PDB file of N, CA and C in Angstrom:
ATOM      1  N   UNK A   1    -121.350  23.769-133.639  1.00  0.00           N
ATOM      2  CA  UNK A   1    -120.224  23.581-134.531  1.00  0.00           C
ATOM      3  C   UNK A   1    -120.476  22.343-135.367  1.00  0.00           C
ATOM      4  N   UNK A   2    -120.669  22.462-136.659  1.00  0.00           N
ATOM      5  CA  UNK A   2    -120.891  21.285-137.485  1.00  0.00           C
ATOM      6  C   UNK A   2    -119.578  20.583-137.811  1.00  0.00           C
ATOM      7  N   UNK A   3    -119.443  19.346-137.411  1.00  0.00           N
ATOM      8  CA  UNK A   3    -118.251  18.601-137.787  1.00  0.00           C
ATOM      9  C   UNK A   3    -118.513  17.106-137.720  1.00  0.00           C
ATOM     10  N   UNK A   4    -117.883  16.366-138.572  1.00  0.00           N
ATOM     11  CA  UNK A   4    -117.961  14.912-138.605  1.00  0.00           C
ATOM     12  C   UNK A   4    -117.206  14.432-139.821  1.00  0.00           C
ATOM     13  N   UNK A   5    -117.360  13.166-140.130  1.00  0.00           N
ATOM     14  CA  UNK A   5    -116.618  12.614-141.258  1.00  0.00           C
ATOM     15  C   UNK A   5    -117.428  12.553-142.543  1.00  0.00           C
ATOM     16  N   UNK A   6    -118.713  12.822-142.504  1.00  0.00           N
ATOM     17  CA  UNK A   6    -119.553  12.684-143.688  1.00  0.00           C
ATOM     18  C   UNK A   6    -120.176  14.019-144.098  1.00  0.00           C
ATOM     19  N   UNK A   7    -119.558  14.747-145.063  1.00  0.00           N
ATOM     20  CA  UNK A   7    -120.171  15.993-145.516  1.00  0.00           C
ATOM     21  C   UNK A   7    -121.520  15.733-146.162  1.00  0.00           C
ATOM     22  N   UNK A   8    -122.474  16.635-145.911  1.00  0.00           N
ATOM     23  CA  UNK A   8    -123.786  16.555-146.538  1.00  0.00           C
ATOM     24  C   UNK A   8    -123.841  17.556-147.674  1.00  0.00           C
ATOM     25  N   UNK A   9    -124.861  17.467-148.484  1.00  0.00           N
ATOM     26  CA  UNK A   9    -124.974  18.353-149.635  1.00  0.00           C
ATOM     27  C   UNK A   9    -125.090  19.824-149.228  1.00  0.00           C
ATOM     28  N   UNK A  10    -125.574  20.115-148.009  1.00  0.00           N
ATOM     29  CA  UNK A  10    -125.707  21.499-147.569  1.00  0.00           C
ATOM     30  C   UNK A  10    -124.416  22.031-146.940  1.00  0.00           C
ATOM     31  N   UNK A  11    -123.343  21.248-146.966  1.00  0.00           N
ATOM     32  CA  UNK A  11    -122.062  21.661-146.425  1.00  0.00           C
ATOM     33  C   UNK A  11    -121.892  21.321-144.950  1.00  0.00           C
ATOM     34  N   UNK A  12    -122.973  20.977-144.272  1.00  0.00           N
ATOM     35  CA  UNK A  12    -122.875  20.582-142.877  1.00  0.00           C
ATOM     36  C   UNK A  12    -122.531  19.104-142.803  1.00  0.00           C
ATOM     37  N   UNK A  13    -121.963  18.711-141.707  1.00  0.00           N
ATOM     38  CA  UNK A  13    -121.607  17.316-141.531  1.00  0.00           C
ATOM     39  C   UNK A  13    -122.174  16.818-140.216  1.00  0.00           C
ATOM     40  N   UNK A  14    -122.514  15.545-140.166  1.00  0.00           N
ATOM     41  CA  UNK A  14    -123.149  15.001-138.969  1.00  0.00           C
ATOM     42  C   UNK A  14    -122.099  14.548-137.963  1.00  0.00           C
ATOM     43  N   UNK A  15    -122.498  14.543-136.701  1.00  0.00           N
ATOM     44  CA  UNK A  15    -121.607  14.139-135.617  1.00  0.00           C
ATOM     45  C   UNK A  15    -122.226  12.939-134.926  1.00  0.00           C
ATOM     46  N   UNK A  16    -121.505  11.822-134.857  1.00  0.00           N
ATOM     47  CA  UNK A  16    -122.057  10.662-134.159  1.00  0.00           C
ATOM     48  C   UNK A  16    -122.116  10.918-132.655  1.00  0.00           C
ATOM     49  N   UNK A  17    -123.006  10.224-131.965  1.00  0.00           N
ATOM     50  CA  UNK A  17    -123.101  10.362-130.514  1.00  0.00           C
ATOM     51  C   UNK A  17    -121.813   9.915-129.848  1.00  0.00           C
ATOM     52  N   UNK A  18    -121.508  10.554-128.748  1.00  0.00           N
ATOM     53  CA  UNK A  18    -120.317  10.203-127.976  1.00  0.00           C
ATOM     54  C   UNK A  18    -120.610   9.012-127.072  1.00  0.00           C
ATOM     55  N   UNK A  19    -119.552   8.397-126.578  1.00  0.00           N
ATOM     56  CA  UNK A  19    -119.699   7.287-125.643  1.00  0.00           C
ATOM     57  C   UNK A  19    -120.204   7.777-124.292  1.00  0.00           C
ATOM     58  N   UNK A  20    -119.927   9.036-123.965  1.00  0.00           N
ATOM     59  CA  UNK A  20    -120.342   9.599-122.680  1.00  0.00           C
ATOM     60  C   UNK A  20    -121.247  10.803-122.902  1.00  0.00           C
ATOM     61  N   UNK A  21    -122.115  11.026-121.955  1.00  0.00           N
ATOM     62  CA  UNK A  21    -122.951  12.222-121.947  1.00  0.00           C
ATOM     63  C   UNK A  21    -122.502  13.098-120.783  1.00  0.00           C
ATOM     64  N   UNK A  22    -123.045  14.295-120.696  1.00  0.00           N
ATOM     65  CA  UNK A  22    -122.746  15.150-119.562  1.00  0.00           C
ATOM     66  C   UNK A  22    -123.149  14.502-118.246  1.00  0.00           C
ATOM     67  N   UNK A  23    -124.235  13.753-118.282  1.00  0.00           N
ATOM     68  CA  UNK A  23    -124.708  13.080-117.065  1.00  0.00           C
ATOM     69  C   UNK A  23    -123.722  12.017-116.595  1.00  0.00           C
ATOM     70  N   UNK A  24    -123.216  11.197-117.521  1.00  0.00           N
ATOM     71  CA  UNK A  24    -122.250  10.168-117.113  1.00  0.00           C
ATOM     72  C   UNK A  24    -120.950  10.815-116.648  1.00  0.00           C
ATOM     73  N   UNK A  25    -120.521  11.888-117.325  1.00  0.00           N
ATOM     74  CA  UNK A  25    -119.315  12.608-116.928  1.00  0.00           C
ATOM     75  C   UNK A  25    -119.475  13.172-115.521  1.00  0.00           C
ATOM     76  N   UNK A  26    -120.625  13.778-115.258  1.00  0.00           N
ATOM     77  CA  UNK A  26    -120.897  14.386-113.956  1.00  0.00           C
ATOM     78  C   UNK A  26    -120.803  13.355-112.834  1.00  0.00           C
ATOM     79  N   UNK A  27    -121.125  12.113-113.123  1.00  0.00           N
ATOM     80  CA  UNK A  27    -121.097  11.063-112.115  1.00  0.00           C
ATOM     81  C   UNK A  27    -119.728  10.431-111.889  1.00  0.00           C
ATOM     82  N   UNK A  28    -118.729  10.816-112.673  1.00  0.00           N
ATOM     83  CA  UNK A  28    -117.392  10.240-112.523  1.00  0.00           C
ATOM     84  C   UNK A  28    -116.665  10.840-111.315  1.00  0.00           C
ATOM     85  N   UNK A  29    -115.677  10.117-110.824  1.00  0.00           N
ATOM     86  CA  UNK A  29    -114.825  10.649-109.758  1.00  0.00           C
ATOM     87  C   UNK A  29    -113.944  11.758-110.312  1.00  0.00           C
ATOM     88  N   UNK A  30    -113.316  12.518-109.441  1.00  0.00           N
ATOM     89  CA  UNK A  30    -112.425  13.597-109.867  1.00  0.00           C
ATOM     90  C   UNK A  30    -111.323  13.070-110.784  1.00  0.00           C
ATOM     91  N   UNK A  31    -110.670  11.985-110.381  1.00  0.00           N
ATOM     92  CA  UNK A  31    -109.573  11.462-111.193  1.00  0.00           C
ATOM     93  C   UNK A  31    -110.087  10.894-112.513  1.00  0.00           C
ATOM     94  N   UNK A  32    -111.248  10.271-112.498  1.00  0.00           N
ATOM     95  CA  UNK A  32    -111.811   9.739-113.746  1.00  0.00           C
ATOM     96  C   UNK A  32    -112.145  10.871-114.712  1.00  0.00           C
ATOM     97  N   UNK A  33    -112.679  11.995-114.206  1.00  0.00           N
ATOM     98  CA  UNK A  33    -112.961  13.141-115.077  1.00  0.00           C
ATOM     99  C   UNK A  33    -111.673  13.688-115.674  1.00  0.00           C
ATOM    100  N   UNK A  34    -110.623  13.744-114.881  1.00  0.00           N
ATOM    101  CA  UNK A  34    -109.331  14.223-115.365  1.00  0.00           C
ATOM    102  C   UNK A  34    -108.801  13.329-116.491  1.00  0.00           C
ATOM    103  N   UNK A  35    -108.842  12.020-116.272  1.00  0.00           N
ATOM    104  CA  UNK A  35    -108.382  11.095-117.305  1.00  0.00           C
ATOM    105  C   UNK A  35    -109.277  11.143-118.540  1.00  0.00           C
ATOM    106  N   UNK A  36    -110.576  11.241-118.320  1.00  0.00           N
ATOM    107  CA  UNK A  36    -111.492  11.328-119.453  1.00  0.00           C
ATOM    108  C   UNK A  36    -111.163  12.547-120.316  1.00  0.00           C
ATOM    109  N   UNK A  37    -111.017  13.714-119.683  1.00  0.00           N
ATOM    110  CA  UNK A  37    -110.742  14.926-120.458  1.00  0.00           C
ATOM    111  C   UNK A  37    -109.381  14.883-121.124  1.00  0.00           C
ATOM    112  N   UNK A  38    -108.394  14.290-120.462  1.00  0.00           N
ATOM    113  CA  UNK A  38    -107.078  14.142-121.095  1.00  0.00           C
ATOM    114  C   UNK A  38    -107.190  13.321-122.373  1.00  0.00           C
ATOM    115  N   UNK A  39    -107.925  12.225-122.314  1.00  0.00           N
ATOM    116  CA  UNK A  39    -108.117  11.389-123.501  1.00  0.00           C
ATOM    117  C   UNK A  39    -108.937  12.091-124.569  1.00  0.00           C
ATOM    118  N   UNK A  40    -109.968  12.802-124.132  1.00  0.00           N
ATOM    119  CA  UNK A  40    -110.804  13.540-125.079  1.00  0.00           C
ATOM    120  C   UNK A  40    -109.984  14.589-125.817  1.00  0.00           C
ATOM    121  N   UNK A  41    -109.170  15.340-125.075  1.00  0.00           N
ATOM    122  CA  UNK A  41    -108.352  16.373-125.706  1.00  0.00           C
ATOM    123  C   UNK A  41    -107.293  15.765-126.623  1.00  0.00           C
ATOM    124  N   UNK A  42    -106.707  14.648-126.222  1.00  0.00           N
ATOM    125  CA  UNK A  42    -105.783  13.951-127.124  1.00  0.00           C
ATOM    126  C   UNK A  42    -106.481  13.604-128.433  1.00  0.00           C
ATOM    127  N   UNK A  43    -107.730  13.169-128.328  1.00  0.00           N
ATOM    128  CA  UNK A  43    -108.508  12.851-129.530  1.00  0.00           C
ATOM    129  C   UNK A  43    -108.752  14.080-130.382  1.00  0.00           C
ATOM    130  N   UNK A  44    -109.073  15.219-129.743  1.00  0.00           N
ATOM    131  CA  UNK A  44    -109.255  16.457-130.501  1.00  0.00           C
ATOM    132  C   UNK A  44    -107.971  16.813-131.251  1.00  0.00           C
ATOM    133  N   UNK A  45    -106.832  16.679-130.564  1.00  0.00           N
ATOM    134  CA  UNK A  45    -105.563  17.051-131.189  1.00  0.00           C
ATOM    135  C   UNK A  45    -105.214  16.126-132.349  1.00  0.00           C
ATOM    136  N   UNK A  46    -105.654  14.874-132.279  1.00  0.00           N
ATOM    137  CA  UNK A  46    -105.413  13.938-133.364  1.00  0.00           C
ATOM    138  C   UNK A  46    -106.458  13.994-134.456  1.00  0.00           C
ATOM    139  N   UNK A  47    -107.449  14.829-134.281  1.00  0.00           N
ATOM    140  CA  UNK A  47    -108.571  14.864-135.218  1.00  0.00           C
ATOM    141  C   UNK A  47    -108.225  15.261-136.649  1.00  0.00           C
ATOM    142  N   UNK A  48    -107.110  15.943-136.920  1.00  0.00           N
ATOM    143  CA  UNK A  48    -106.812  16.225-138.329  1.00  0.00           C
ATOM    144  C   UNK A  48    -106.699  14.960-139.177  1.00  0.00           C
ATOM    145  N   UNK A  49    -106.373  13.842-138.543  1.00  0.00           N
ATOM    146  CA  UNK A  49    -106.330  12.588-139.286  1.00  0.00           C
ATOM    147  C   UNK A  49    -107.692  12.247-139.863  1.00  0.00           C
ATOM    148  N   UNK A  50    -108.764  12.669-139.172  1.00  0.00           N
ATOM    149  CA  UNK A  50    -110.119  12.386-139.615  1.00  0.00           C
ATOM    150  C   UNK A  50    -110.762  13.585-140.309  1.00  0.00           C
ATOM    151  N   UNK A  51    -110.585  14.758-139.757  1.00  0.00           N
ATOM    152  CA  UNK A  51    -111.270  15.939-140.275  1.00  0.00           C
ATOM    153  C   UNK A  51    -110.461  16.668-141.340  1.00  0.00           C
ATOM    154  N   UNK A  52    -109.173  16.416-141.395  1.00  0.00           N
ATOM    155  CA  UNK A  52    -108.355  17.059-142.409  1.00  0.00           C
ATOM    156  C   UNK A  52    -108.064  18.523-142.158  1.00  0.00           C
ATOM    157  N   UNK A  53    -108.223  19.022-140.924  1.00  0.00           N
ATOM    158  CA  UNK A  53    -107.926  20.417-140.650  1.00  0.00           C
ATOM    159  C   UNK A  53    -106.971  20.521-139.474  1.00  0.00           C
ATOM    160  N   UNK A  54    -105.701  20.513-139.793  1.00  0.00           N
ATOM    161  CA  UNK A  54    -104.658  20.589-138.783  1.00  0.00           C
ATOM    162  C   UNK A  54    -104.689  21.920-138.040  1.00  0.00           C
ATOM    163  N   UNK A  55    -105.121  22.982-138.710  1.00  0.00           N
ATOM    164  CA  UNK A  55    -105.137  24.308-138.082  1.00  0.00           C
ATOM    165  C   UNK A  55    -106.055  24.356-136.863  1.00  0.00           C
ATOM    166  N   UNK A  56    -107.203  23.697-136.932  1.00  0.00           N
ATOM    167  CA  UNK A  56    -108.119  23.691-135.793  1.00  0.00           C
ATOM    168  C   UNK A  56    -107.506  22.981-134.593  1.00  0.00           C
ATOM    169  N   UNK A  57    -106.932  21.826-134.812  1.00  0.00           N
ATOM    170  CA  UNK A  57    -106.313  21.083-133.711  1.00  0.00           C
ATOM    171  C   UNK A  57    -105.145  21.871-133.125  1.00  0.00           C
ATOM    172  N   UNK A  58    -104.375  22.520-133.987  1.00  0.00           N
ATOM    173  CA  UNK A  58    -103.246  23.326-133.519  1.00  0.00           C
ATOM    174  C   UNK A  58    -103.724  24.511-132.702  1.00  0.00           C
ATOM    175  N   UNK A  59    -104.771  25.191-133.152  1.00  0.00           N
ATOM    176  CA  UNK A  59    -105.298  26.344-132.424  1.00  0.00           C
ATOM    177  C   UNK A  59    -105.813  25.934-131.040  1.00  0.00           C
ATOM    178  N   UNK A  60    -106.518  24.809-130.960  1.00  0.00           N
ATOM    179  CA  UNK A  60    -107.008  24.338-129.673  1.00  0.00           C
ATOM    180  C   UNK A  60    -105.840  23.958-128.770  1.00  0.00           C
ATOM    181  N   UNK A  61    -104.881  23.263-129.324  1.00  0.00           N
ATOM    182  CA  UNK A  61    -103.708  22.852-128.549  1.00  0.00           C
ATOM    183  C   UNK A  61    -102.962  24.061-128.011  1.00  0.00           C
ATOM    184  N   UNK A  62    -102.721  25.050-128.859  1.00  0.00           N
ATOM    185  CA  UNK A  62    -101.994  26.242-128.427  1.00  0.00           C
ATOM    186  C   UNK A  62    -102.752  26.988-127.333  1.00  0.00           C
ATOM    187  N   UNK A  63    -104.062  27.046-127.440  1.00  0.00           N
ATOM    188  CA  UNK A  63    -104.863  27.692-126.401  1.00  0.00           C
ATOM    189  C   UNK A  63    -104.724  26.953-125.080  1.00  0.00           C
ATOM    190  N   UNK A  64    -104.854  25.637-125.123  1.00  0.00           N
ATOM    191  CA  UNK A  64    -104.886  24.862-123.894  1.00  0.00           C
ATOM    192  C   UNK A  64    -103.524  24.713-123.228  1.00  0.00           C
ATOM    193  N   UNK A  65    -102.451  25.078-123.926  1.00  0.00           N
ATOM    194  CA  UNK A  65    -101.122  25.028-123.322  1.00  0.00           C
ATOM    195  C   UNK A  65    -101.012  25.960-122.119  1.00  0.00           C
ATOM    196  N   UNK A  66    -101.838  26.991-122.071  1.00  0.00           N
ATOM    197  CA  UNK A  66    -101.790  27.944-120.966  1.00  0.00           C
ATOM    198  C   UNK A  66    -102.380  27.382-119.673  1.00  0.00           C
ATOM    199  N   UNK A  67    -103.077  26.258-119.757  1.00  0.00           N
ATOM    200  CA  UNK A  67    -103.765  25.696-118.601  1.00  0.00           C
ATOM    201  C   UNK A  67    -103.116  24.406-118.116  1.00  0.00           C
ATOM    202  N   UNK A  68    -103.223  24.166-116.823  1.00  0.00           N
ATOM    203  CA  UNK A  68    -102.882  22.868-116.257  1.00  0.00           C
ATOM    204  C   UNK A  68    -104.117  21.975-116.402  1.00  0.00           C
ATOM    205  N   UNK A  69    -103.933  20.673-116.361  1.00  0.00           N
ATOM    206  CA  UNK A  69    -105.045  19.739-116.496  1.00  0.00           C
ATOM    207  C   UNK A  69    -106.133  20.018-115.469  1.00  0.00           C
ATOM    208  N   UNK A  70    -105.736  20.327-114.230  1.00  0.00           N
ATOM    209  CA  UNK A  70    -106.746  20.583-113.196  1.00  0.00           C
ATOM    210  C   UNK A  70    -107.591  21.806-113.545  1.00  0.00           C
ATOM    211  N   UNK A  71    -107.019  22.779-114.256  1.00  0.00           N
ATOM    212  CA  UNK A  71    -107.789  23.946-114.674  1.00  0.00           C
ATOM    213  C   UNK A  71    -108.793  23.570-115.761  1.00  0.00           C
ATOM    214  N   UNK A  72    -108.366  22.755-116.700  1.00  0.00           N
ATOM    215  CA  UNK A  72    -109.261  22.309-117.772  1.00  0.00           C
ATOM    216  C   UNK A  72    -110.423  21.520-117.171  1.00  0.00           C
ATOM    217  N   UNK A  73    -110.111  20.638-116.241  1.00  0.00           N
ATOM    218  CA  UNK A  73    -111.161  19.865-115.571  1.00  0.00           C
ATOM    219  C   UNK A  73    -112.114  20.808-114.852  1.00  0.00           C
ATOM    220  N   UNK A  74    -111.590  21.832-114.183  1.00  0.00           N
ATOM    221  CA  UNK A  74    -112.440  22.784-113.451  1.00  0.00           C
ATOM    222  C   UNK A  74    -113.341  23.567-114.405  1.00  0.00           C
ATOM    223  N   UNK A  75    -112.808  23.971-115.554  1.00  0.00           N
ATOM    224  CA  UNK A  75    -113.606  24.702-116.547  1.00  0.00           C
ATOM    225  C   UNK A  75    -114.761  23.838-117.034  1.00  0.00           C
ATOM    226  N   UNK A  76    -114.454  22.590-117.392  1.00  0.00           N
ATOM    227  CA  UNK A  76    -115.489  21.687-117.900  1.00  0.00           C
ATOM    228  C   UNK A  76    -116.463  21.316-116.781  1.00  0.00           C
ATOM    229  N   UNK A  77    -115.948  21.044-115.585  1.00  0.00           N
ATOM    230  CA  UNK A  77    -116.821  20.717-114.452  1.00  0.00           C
ATOM    231  C   UNK A  77    -117.813  21.842-114.179  1.00  0.00           C
ATOM    232  N   UNK A  78    -117.345  23.076-114.191  1.00  0.00           N
ATOM    233  CA  UNK A  78    -118.225  24.218-113.930  1.00  0.00           C
ATOM    234  C   UNK A  78    -119.312  24.309-114.996  1.00  0.00           C
ATOM    235  N   UNK A  79    -118.910  24.138-116.258  1.00  0.00           N
ATOM    236  CA  UNK A  79    -119.886  24.201-117.351  1.00  0.00           C
ATOM    237  C   UNK A  79    -120.949  23.118-117.189  1.00  0.00           C
ATOM    238  N   UNK A  80    -120.503  21.908-116.863  1.00  0.00           N
ATOM    239  CA  UNK A  80    -121.438  20.793-116.681  1.00  0.00           C
ATOM    240  C   UNK A  80    -122.362  21.074-115.488  1.00  0.00           C
ATOM    241  N   UNK A  81    -121.791  21.519-114.379  1.00  0.00           N
ATOM    242  CA  UNK A  81    -122.600  21.802-113.183  1.00  0.00           C
ATOM    243  C   UNK A  81    -123.598  22.926-113.435  1.00  0.00           C
ATOM    244  N   UNK A  82    -123.201  23.928-114.219  1.00  0.00           N
ATOM    245  CA  UNK A  82    -124.068  25.079-114.495  1.00  0.00           C
ATOM    246  C   UNK A  82    -125.119  24.800-115.561  1.00  0.00           C
ATOM    247  N   UNK A  83    -125.015  23.674-116.260  1.00  0.00           N
ATOM    248  CA  UNK A  83    -125.918  23.379-117.375  1.00  0.00           C
ATOM    249  C   UNK A  83    -126.503  21.970-117.294  1.00  0.00           C
ATOM    250  N   UNK A  84    -127.203  21.643-116.217  1.00  0.00           N
ATOM    251  CA  UNK A  84    -127.753  20.283-116.101  1.00  0.00           C
ATOM    252  C   UNK A  84    -128.755  19.933-117.201  1.00  0.00           C
ATOM    253  N   UNK A  85    -129.359  20.930-117.812  1.00  0.00           N
ATOM    254  CA  UNK A  85    -130.305  20.654-118.902  1.00  0.00           C
ATOM    255  C   UNK A  85    -129.604  20.086-120.128  1.00  0.00           C
ATOM    256  N   UNK A  86    -128.284  20.171-120.182  1.00  0.00           N
ATOM    257  CA  UNK A  86    -127.531  19.674-121.342  1.00  0.00           C
ATOM    258  C   UNK A  86    -126.880  18.314-121.084  1.00  0.00           C
ATOM    259  N   UNK A  87    -127.068  17.745-119.908  1.00  0.00           N
ATOM    260  CA  UNK A  87    -126.358  16.520-119.551  1.00  0.00           C
ATOM    261  C   UNK A  87    -126.633  15.357-120.484  1.00  0.00           C
ATOM    262  N   UNK A  88    -127.717  15.365-121.214  1.00  0.00           N
ATOM    263  CA  UNK A  88    -128.012  14.260-122.145  1.00  0.00           C
ATOM    264  C   UNK A  88    -127.238  14.408-123.458  1.00  0.00           C
ATOM    265  N   UNK A  89    -126.538  15.526-123.639  1.00  0.00           N
ATOM    266  CA  UNK A  89    -125.769  15.762-124.867  1.00  0.00           C
ATOM    267  C   UNK A  89    -124.437  15.014-124.813  1.00  0.00           C
ATOM    268  N   UNK A  90    -123.838  14.836-125.967  1.00  0.00           N
ATOM    269  CA  UNK A  90    -122.550  14.151-126.073  1.00  0.00           C
ATOM    270  C   UNK A  90    -121.446  14.964-125.395  1.00  0.00           C
ATOM    271  N   UNK A  91    -120.622  14.272-124.643  1.00  0.00           N
ATOM    272  CA  UNK A  91    -119.597  14.946-123.849  1.00  0.00           C
ATOM    273  C   UNK A  91    -118.554  15.642-124.710  1.00  0.00           C
ATOM    274  N   UNK A  92    -118.237  15.112-125.887  1.00  0.00           N
ATOM    275  CA  UNK A  92    -117.216  15.779-126.690  1.00  0.00           C
ATOM    276  C   UNK A  92    -117.670  17.184-127.094  1.00  0.00           C
ATOM    277  N   UNK A  93    -118.938  17.353-127.377  1.00  0.00           N
ATOM    278  CA  UNK A  93    -119.437  18.680-127.730  1.00  0.00           C
ATOM    279  C   UNK A  93    -119.568  19.569-126.494  1.00  0.00           C
ATOM    280  N   UNK A  94    -119.973  18.999-125.365  1.00  0.00           N
ATOM    281  CA  UNK A  94    -120.071  19.781-124.134  1.00  0.00           C
ATOM    282  C   UNK A  94    -118.700  20.299-123.704  1.00  0.00           C
ATOM    283  N   UNK A  95    -117.681  19.468-123.828  1.00  0.00           N
ATOM    284  CA  UNK A  95    -116.326  19.898-123.450  1.00  0.00           C
ATOM    285  C   UNK A  95    -115.852  21.035-124.348  1.00  0.00           C
ATOM    286  N   UNK A  96    -116.086  20.911-125.644  1.00  0.00           N
ATOM    287  CA  UNK A  96    -115.701  22.006-126.546  1.00  0.00           C
ATOM    288  C   UNK A  96    -116.464  23.279-126.216  1.00  0.00           C
ATOM    289  N   UNK A  97    -117.762  23.156-125.968  1.00  0.00           N
ATOM    290  CA  UNK A  97    -118.564  24.327-125.590  1.00  0.00           C
ATOM    291  C   UNK A  97    -118.017  24.967-124.320  1.00  0.00           C
ATOM    292  N   UNK A  98    -117.612  24.152-123.365  1.00  0.00           N
ATOM    293  CA  UNK A  98    -117.079  24.663-122.102  1.00  0.00           C
ATOM    294  C   UNK A  98    -115.756  25.416-122.310  1.00  0.00           C
ATOM    295  N   UNK A  99    -114.931  24.918-123.218  1.00  0.00           N
ATOM    296  CA  UNK A  99    -113.601  25.496-123.418  1.00  0.00           C
ATOM    297  C   UNK A  99    -113.592  26.714-124.340  1.00  0.00           C
ATOM    298  N   UNK A 100    -114.614  26.860-125.152  1.00  0.00           N
ATOM    299  CA  UNK A 100    -114.624  27.946-126.134  1.00  0.00           C
ATOM    300  C   UNK A 100    -114.401  29.333-125.538  1.00  0.00           C
ATOM    301  N   UNK A 101    -115.030  29.709-124.413  1.00  0.00           N
ATOM    302  CA  UNK A 101    -114.783  31.055-123.877  1.00  0.00           C
ATOM    303  C   UNK A 101    -113.317  31.310-123.508  1.00  0.00           C
ATOM    304  N   UNK A 102    -112.572  30.259-123.218  1.00  0.00           N
ATOM    305  CA  UNK A 102    -111.163  30.402-122.868  1.00  0.00           C
ATOM    306  C   UNK A 102    -110.249  30.392-124.082  1.00  0.00           C
ATOM    307  N   UNK A 103    -110.811  30.103-125.261  1.00  0.00           N
ATOM    308  CA  UNK A 103    -110.008  29.948-126.474  1.00  0.00           C
ATOM    309  C   UNK A 103    -110.588  30.754-127.641  1.00  0.00           C
ATOM    310  N   UNK A 104    -110.577  32.084-127.557  1.00  0.00           N
ATOM    311  CA  UNK A 104    -111.216  32.887-128.603  1.00  0.00           C
ATOM    312  C   UNK A 104    -110.589  32.728-129.995  1.00  0.00           C
ATOM    313  N   UNK A 105    -109.291  32.481-130.060  1.00  0.00           N
ATOM    314  CA  UNK A 105    -108.658  32.291-131.372  1.00  0.00           C
ATOM    315  C   UNK A 105    -109.152  31.000-132.027  1.00  0.00           C
ATOM    316  N   UNK A 106    -109.338  29.972-131.227  1.00  0.00           N
ATOM    317  CA  UNK A 106    -109.871  28.710-131.724  1.00  0.00           C
ATOM    318  C   UNK A 106    -111.294  28.903-132.238  1.00  0.00           C
ATOM    319  N   UNK A 107    -112.109  29.631-131.478  1.00  0.00           N
ATOM    320  CA  UNK A 107    -113.498  29.885-131.870  1.00  0.00           C
ATOM    321  C   UNK A 107    -113.551  30.670-133.178  1.00  0.00           C
ATOM    322  N   UNK A 108    -112.694  31.675-133.311  1.00  0.00           N
ATOM    323  CA  UNK A 108    -112.666  32.472-134.542  1.00  0.00           C
ATOM    324  C   UNK A 108    -112.298  31.601-135.741  1.00  0.00           C
ATOM    325  N   UNK A 109    -111.349  30.703-135.561  1.00  0.00           N
ATOM    326  CA  UNK A 109    -110.960  29.810-136.656  1.00  0.00           C
ATOM    327  C   UNK A 109    -112.079  28.820-136.973  1.00  0.00           C
ATOM    328  N   UNK A 110    -112.768  28.322-135.950  1.00  0.00           N
ATOM    329  CA  UNK A 110    -113.924  27.445-136.173  1.00  0.00           C
ATOM    330  C   UNK A 110    -114.954  28.137-137.065  1.00  0.00           C
ATOM    331  N   UNK A 111    -115.269  29.378-136.714  1.00  0.00           N
ATOM    332  CA  UNK A 111    -116.263  30.129-137.470  1.00  0.00           C
ATOM    333  C   UNK A 111    -115.832  30.290-138.923  1.00  0.00           C
ATOM    334  N   UNK A 112    -114.559  30.528-139.112  1.00  0.00           N
ATOM    335  CA  UNK A 112    -114.028  30.699-140.480  1.00  0.00           C
ATOM    336  C   UNK A 112    -114.081  29.383-141.243  1.00  0.00           C
ATOM    337  N   UNK A 113    -113.637  28.315-140.610  1.00  0.00           N
ATOM    338  CA  UNK A 113    -113.585  27.006-141.278  1.00  0.00           C
ATOM    339  C   UNK A 113    -114.986  26.486-141.590  1.00  0.00           C
ATOM    340  N   UNK A 114    -115.873  26.585-140.604  1.00  0.00           N
ATOM    341  CA  UNK A 114    -117.210  26.019-140.758  1.00  0.00           C
ATOM    342  C   UNK A 114    -118.259  27.032-141.179  1.00  0.00           C
ATOM    343  N   UNK A 115    -117.873  28.318-141.225  1.00  0.00           N
ATOM    344  CA  UNK A 115    -118.784  29.394-141.636  1.00  0.00           C
ATOM    345  C   UNK A 115    -120.099  29.334-140.878  1.00  0.00           C
ATOM    346  N   UNK A 116    -119.995  29.258-139.533  1.00  0.00           N
ATOM    347  CA  UNK A 116    -121.177  29.186-138.669  1.00  0.00           C
ATOM    348  C   UNK A 116    -121.096  30.214-137.562  1.00  0.00           C
ATOM    349  N   UNK A 117    -122.171  30.274-136.814  1.00  0.00           N
ATOM    350  CA  UNK A 117    -122.310  31.130-135.630  1.00  0.00           C
ATOM    351  C   UNK A 117    -121.840  32.505-135.937  1.00  0.00           C
TER     352      UNK A 117
END
């Protein structure tokens, strides 16, 4: 998913590295992972301030309303555990990748907005 604050001439935008990787996330305690994901998702929901697309944040929010925090943590934990080869990647992208199968409407809107995948 191409996204960031600096559009390039080819229409894609770069994404800065996250503060955490899958490896650092994997090493956190259960409660720390829960708090981390809560903060990460809050950031996603506030992202229209930076990305200018309120529809994406709304679609993700509406999808995730069906889950309790412990379910979201379990979804992301499973993805991280099942994909150790990706642990060096930025956690914000890994979390979105983990949640996409549970949020097909969000994924469809992403594809439309970013014209990818």
